[in-house]
Amino acid sequence: MNDEARGSGSLDPARDRGLRWQGRRPPYRYPRPGGDRGGNTATYAALDLGTNNCRLLVARPAGDGFRVIDAFSRIIRLGEGISVSGCISEPAIARAIEALTICRDKMANRCVTRARLIATEACRTARNGTEFRTRIAEEVGLELEIIGRATEAELAATGCTPLIDRDAEGVILFDIGGGSSELVRLARPVAARRGPPLPEIEAWVSIPVGVVTLAERHGGHLVSRETYEAMIAEVAVHVEGFVAEHGRPPLDRVHLLGTSGTVTTIAGVHLDLKRYDRRRVDGCWMTDVEVSGVIERLLGSSYEDRVATACIGSERADLVLAGCAILDAMRRAFPCQRLRVADRGLREGMLVKMMREDGVWGRTAHAP
């Protein structure tokens, strides 16, 4: 599990400084704690309230990208039990209020001048989603925007586009969430005159299955091979529908690009990290064989073993195999030989869009 997911709010420095951004070095910089407290007065915040996590990034424009000056992430399991009750529970609301209060204070302390605060699948599907949003406004003072699935796919694509290999013709991007999973087919990105590259979305689908909902239906503590295959089969129905409608790109010319706690966890386990390190995970490559090796290792482990694994811990131990099953459904439909791991997504996408709308990098004809 990463440091942000533990609620530490820690920041990481820029990675791979010697490489170019287009498919190699992303234009987003993550300084160490205490760095860059002054400078540009235009300060942006992006908050993503998901089914499993509450995440915040605060950033300022820097060159052709931005510099993150504060961050926060906490697993709150907002969608816990929704698949049974249809409603966000009181304990989940209390956890959300606590996390969002921290986010509000961080934004105030950083003198944020523009923010976008989104909520996703849990609030979209819960019968009391609107009431929850009203309560957050009254008790925390934050106005949440419940976004649609198309917007969620677009933001994930915008945030992850800099990680597309510049020599590839495109990617199959997937974002494994707590209550839904987005699958996006992207062509080679459009180079902007300034700022991060622009996504070229060819097709997308939002699958109404995430790690929380899948684990609640099939169980997450004791996962047999049969249970694991049943989880894959549930997701595969949706993925195969996408393939039937849109086809497969030439698999030797594209690669997989994954963003979520599932793929960053798999990368951390593969790298045998004793403590999650964003610098090593974000942008790293894994072969198909390496991904299969990690999943086999997790399938053969007990719940207690997963809890004791440094990059999983107690907060993800009951969800990680559900995430692996979703990933395997994607891999079986798109058997690419390479997977690139992204520790980025919706928040980075929101920051890019806000800054581009404000003309931070100059306006382009292709701006989304």
Foldseek 3Di string as FASTA:
>chain_A
DAPQQAFPFFWAAAADVPDDQQQAGPPETIDGAPPDLDDDLAKEKEWEAEQFKTKMWIWDDDFQAIYTHTIHMYGLRQQAPCVPVLARDPSSLVSVLVRVLVVVVVCVVSVHPYYAAEYEDSLVRRPCSVVSQVVCCVRRVDRYHYDDPVVQLQLQQLWCLSNFHQQFQWEFEWEAGAQKIKTWTWGNFADDPGHDTHTHTPDMDIGRHHLNNLCVVQNQQQAAPVSLVVLLVVLLVVVVVVCVVPNADDLARYYYEYEYLLQLLLQCVLVQDQHRHCNDQASDKDFPVSSVVSLVVLNPDGLVVQLPRRSAHPSRSRRNSSVSSNVVSVCVSRVHGMYTYHHIGNRSSVVRLVCQVVQVTHHDPPRD
